[in-house]
Amino acid sequence: MEGKEETEDMESQGEDLDIPVDDEMDEDDIEIVALDEEGRELDDDGELSGAGGGKEAEEARAEYLRLYAEFENYKKRVAKDKHEMARYANESLVIDLLPSLDHLEIALKHSREAEEPDSAKDGLVQGVDMTLRELLRTLEKFGVKKIESHGKPFDPEFHHAVTQIERDDIGEGMVVDELRSGYIYNDKVIRAAMVSVSKAPEADADMEEDGQQADE
């Protein structure tokens, strides 16, 4: 009897609270959703639904890889440009110093070609020579090197030919005189050497030409 009374009391309390009672649920109203291990919704093919899977996901991934590759290339270009700027930061200063080196070399050359000996002049020549050598050693510490030209085969990358001199004691196309020194700065030619290049004497050239015609 007591259980029955308690049941009746609970029903009466439910009526007093006015709790709505759902009608019987239809099977068509039930939606079954497939989820992956992380709780993400899957479509009928087992792929992530929406932008997370299928063709759209592949397109998004391809776009991400493209942008990532472009960004990596950009970083490499910036790093390379930064390295080149640091490597050749003093190029303009070096170029401005080259005329001073030329003047010292010209002064030494003229002094050494003078016939009359002079002790005072010899001391001055030695001082100029020491100054030039010290300047070249200092520049070499910063990557500046003088191009070796005399007696070398002519190379248009390092030499600028201004004259040709007939020589029968050496081969053709050899540097026989250096009119102005050339310099390299960190593997970059900042000024080619101005040189004279050997060529075969005209007589020998005519004889070779006649010999070729005779053979024909």
Protein backbone atom coordinates (compact mmCIF):
# COMPACT_ATOMS: atom_id res chain seq x y z
CA MET A 1 0.00 0.00 0.00
CA GLU A 2 2.81 2.35 0.85
CA GLY A 3 4.50 1.78 -2.59
CA LYS A 4 1.26 2.56 -4.34
CA GLU A 5 0.84 5.77 -2.38
CA GLU A 6 4.41 6.85 -3.20
CA THR A 7 3.80 6.24 -6.91
CA GLU A 8 0.62 8.28 -6.85
CA ASP A 9 2.47 11.10 -5.03
CA MET A 10 5.27 11.16 -7.70
CA GLU A 11 2.70 11.28 -10.53
CA SER A 12 0.89 14.12 -8.83
CA GLN A 13 4.19 16.00 -8.39
CA GLY A 14 4.98 15.50 -12.08
CA GLU A 15 1.60 16.97 -13.01
CA ASP A 16 2.24 19.92 -10.72
CA LEU A 17 5.70 20.57 -12.35
CA ASP A 18 4.16 20.40 -15.84
CA ILE A 19 7.05 18.36 -17.31
CA PRO A 20 6.40 17.73 -21.03
CA VAL A 21 6.32 14.15 -22.12
CA ASP A 22 7.79 13.44 -25.61
CA ASP A 23 5.71 11.54 -28.08
CA GLU A 24 7.04 8.27 -29.33
CA MET A 25 10.19 8.98 -31.48
CA ASP A 26 10.00 8.01 -35.15
CA GLU A 27 12.85 5.89 -36.61
CA ASP A 28 13.22 8.40 -39.46
CA ASP A 29 14.16 11.07 -36.93
CA ILE A 30 17.19 9.11 -35.73
CA GLU A 31 20.44 10.10 -37.51
CA ILE A 32 23.45 7.82 -37.19
CA VAL A 33 26.77 9.66 -37.53
CA ALA A 34 30.10 7.89 -38.07
CA LEU A 35 33.08 9.32 -36.18
CA ASP A 36 36.79 8.61 -36.38
CA GLU A 37 39.05 7.95 -33.41
CA GLU A 38 39.35 11.68 -32.74
CA GLY A 39 35.62 12.23 -32.80
CA ARG A 40 35.53 13.88 -36.23
CA GLU A 41 32.52 13.25 -38.44
CA LEU A 42 32.99 10.95 -41.42
CA ASP A 43 31.01 10.84 -44.64
CA ASP A 44 29.52 7.78 -46.32
CA ASP A 45 32.89 6.86 -47.86
CA GLY A 46 34.67 6.92 -44.53
CA GLU A 47 36.43 10.20 -45.32
CA LEU A 48 36.39 13.32 -43.19
CA SER A 49 33.30 15.28 -44.08
CA GLY A 50 33.36 18.90 -45.23
CA ALA A 51 36.70 20.64 -45.86
CA GLY A 52 38.54 18.03 -43.83
CA GLY A 53 38.49 15.24 -46.38
CA GLY A 54 38.04 14.15 -49.96
CA LYS A 55 38.97 16.30 -52.93
CA GLU A 56 38.81 19.57 -50.99
CA ALA A 57 41.29 18.22 -48.46
CA GLU A 58 43.72 17.23 -51.21
CA GLU A 59 43.44 20.68 -52.79
CA ALA A 60 44.01 22.36 -49.44
CA ARG A 61 47.03 20.15 -48.79
CA ALA A 62 48.48 20.87 -52.25
CA GLU A 63 48.01 24.61 -51.71
CA TYR A 64 49.71 24.37 -48.33
CA LEU A 65 52.70 22.51 -49.82
CA ARG A 66 52.99 25.06 -52.63
CA LEU A 67 52.96 28.00 -50.22
CA TYR A 68 55.43 26.24 -47.94
CA ALA A 69 57.83 25.60 -50.84
CA GLU A 70 57.58 29.23 -51.97
CA PHE A 71 58.29 30.43 -48.45
CA GLU A 72 61.33 28.14 -48.14
CA ASN A 73 62.67 29.41 -51.48
CA TYR A 74 62.10 32.98 -50.33
CA LYS A 75 64.08 32.33 -47.13
CA LYS A 76 66.93 30.83 -49.14
CA ARG A 77 67.02 33.83 -51.50
CA VAL A 78 67.05 36.27 -48.59
CA ALA A 79 69.85 34.32 -46.88
CA LYS A 80 71.86 34.21 -50.11
CA ASP A 81 71.40 37.95 -50.75
CA LYS A 82 72.40 38.70 -47.18
CA HIS A 83 75.51 36.55 -47.55
CA GLU A 84 76.46 38.25 -50.83
CA MET A 85 75.96 41.71 -49.34
CA ALA A 86 78.22 40.87 -46.42
CA ARG A 87 80.79 39.21 -48.70
CA TYR A 88 81.09 42.21 -51.03
CA ALA A 89 80.24 45.00 -48.56
CA ASN A 90 83.62 46.71 -49.11
CA GLU A 91 83.63 46.49 -52.91
CA SER A 92 83.07 50.21 -53.52
CA LEU A 93 85.84 51.10 -51.05
CA VAL A 94 88.27 48.72 -52.74
CA ILE A 95 87.48 50.12 -56.19
CA ASP A 96 88.10 53.65 -54.94
CA LEU A 97 91.51 52.57 -53.61
CA LEU A 98 92.70 51.07 -56.90
CA PRO A 99 93.82 54.40 -58.49
CA SER A 100 96.05 55.03 -55.47
CA LEU A 101 97.67 51.64 -55.96
CA ASP A 102 98.15 52.46 -59.64
CA HIS A 103 99.94 55.71 -58.80
CA LEU A 104 102.30 53.95 -56.41
CA GLU A 105 103.12 51.30 -59.02
CA ILE A 106 103.74 53.94 -61.70
CA ALA A 107 106.04 55.87 -59.37
CA LEU A 108 108.04 52.71 -58.65
CA LYS A 109 108.26 51.79 -62.32
CA HIS A 110 109.56 55.21 -63.38
CA SER A 111 112.05 55.33 -60.52
CA ARG A 112 113.49 51.93 -61.37
CA GLU A 113 113.84 52.87 -65.04
CA ALA A 114 115.91 55.98 -64.21
CA GLU A 115 119.56 55.63 -65.26
CA GLU A 116 121.24 57.94 -62.76
CA PRO A 117 121.65 56.46 -59.26
CA ASP A 118 120.62 58.65 -56.35
CA SER A 119 120.85 57.53 -52.75
CA ALA A 120 118.09 59.86 -51.62
CA LYS A 121 115.85 58.71 -54.45
CA ASP A 122 116.63 55.08 -53.68
CA GLY A 123 115.43 55.60 -50.11
CA LEU A 124 112.22 57.16 -51.38
CA VAL A 125 111.70 54.27 -53.77
CA GLN A 126 112.11 51.78 -50.96
CA GLY A 127 109.58 53.69 -48.86
CA VAL A 128 107.04 53.72 -51.69
CA ASP A 129 107.66 50.03 -52.33
CA MET A 130 107.10 49.18 -48.67
CA THR A 131 103.92 51.26 -48.59
CA LEU A 132 102.55 49.50 -51.68
CA ARG A 133 103.36 46.06 -50.33
CA GLU A 134 101.72 46.83 -46.99
CA LEU A 135 98.58 48.08 -48.72
CA LEU A 136 98.38 44.93 -50.83
CA ARG A 137 98.84 42.71 -47.77
CA THR A 138 96.09 44.58 -45.92
CA LEU A 139 93.70 44.32 -48.87
CA GLU A 140 94.48 40.62 -49.23
CA LYS A 141 93.20 40.06 -45.69
CA PHE A 142 89.83 41.32 -46.90
CA GLY A 143 89.78 39.12 -50.00
CA VAL A 144 91.49 41.39 -52.54
CA LYS A 145 94.15 39.75 -54.72
CA LYS A 146 96.20 41.02 -57.61
CA ILE A 147 95.79 39.18 -60.91
CA GLU A 148 98.97 37.49 -62.08
CA SER A 149 99.28 38.40 -65.76
CA HIS A 150 102.86 38.63 -67.03
CA GLY A 151 103.87 35.46 -68.91
CA LYS A 152 100.38 33.97 -68.62
CA PRO A 153 98.13 32.97 -71.52
CA PHE A 154 95.65 35.68 -72.41
CA ASP A 155 92.31 35.11 -70.68
CA PRO A 156 89.47 37.55 -71.51
CA GLU A 157 87.94 36.89 -68.09
CA PHE A 158 90.97 38.37 -66.33
CA HIS A 159 92.75 40.40 -69.04
CA HIS A 160 91.87 43.35 -71.24
CA ALA A 161 94.13 43.45 -74.30
CA VAL A 162 94.96 46.92 -75.58
CA THR A 163 97.91 46.17 -77.91
CA GLN A 164 99.61 43.29 -79.70
CA ILE A 165 103.35 42.90 -79.84
CA GLU A 166 105.23 40.76 -82.35
CA ARG A 167 107.34 38.19 -80.55
CA ASP A 168 109.22 35.25 -81.99
CA ASP A 169 110.62 34.00 -78.69
CA ILE A 170 107.28 33.04 -77.12
CA GLY A 171 104.01 31.62 -78.33
CA GLU A 172 101.18 33.67 -79.69
CA GLY A 173 98.49 34.90 -77.32
CA MET A 174 100.73 35.33 -74.27
CA VAL A 175 100.73 38.37 -71.97
CA VAL A 176 104.06 40.12 -72.53
CA ASP A 177 103.45 43.36 -70.64
CA GLU A 178 101.06 44.59 -67.98
CA LEU A 179 100.04 48.23 -68.44
CA ARG A 180 97.68 48.32 -65.46
CA SER A 181 97.17 45.78 -62.71
CA GLY A 182 93.93 43.86 -62.34
CA TYR A 183 92.32 42.74 -59.09
CA ILE A 184 89.99 40.04 -57.80
CA TYR A 185 87.72 40.57 -54.80
CA ASN A 186 86.42 37.35 -53.23
CA ASP A 187 86.51 35.42 -56.53
CA LYS A 188 84.95 38.35 -58.41
CA VAL A 189 86.95 40.28 -60.99
CA ILE A 190 86.45 43.91 -60.02
CA ARG A 191 88.94 45.14 -62.64
CA ALA A 192 90.61 43.23 -65.45
CA ALA A 193 94.32 43.69 -66.04
CA MET A 194 95.22 45.92 -68.98
CA VAL A 195 97.84 44.00 -70.97
CA SER A 196 99.80 43.65 -74.21
CA VAL A 197 99.54 40.30 -75.97
CA SER A 198 102.08 38.57 -78.18
CA LYS A 199 101.49 37.73 -81.80
CA ALA A 200 103.54 36.03 -84.48
CA PRO A 201 105.84 38.30 -86.56
CA GLU A 202 104.47 39.34 -89.92
CA ALA A 203 107.27 37.60 -91.84
CA ASP A 204 106.61 34.31 -90.14
CA ALA A 205 102.91 34.72 -90.70
CA ASP A 206 103.45 35.36 -94.45
CA MET A 207 105.71 32.32 -94.71
CA GLU A 208 103.14 30.13 -93.02
CA GLU A 209 100.44 31.44 -95.36
CA ASP A 210 102.61 30.78 -98.46
CA GLY A 211 103.38 27.29 -97.23
CA GLN A 212 99.68 26.54 -96.78
CA GLN A 213 98.94 27.75 -100.31
CA ALA A 214 101.77 25.61 -101.72
CA ASP A 215 100.43 22.55 -99.98
CA GLU A 216 97.02 23.18 -101.51
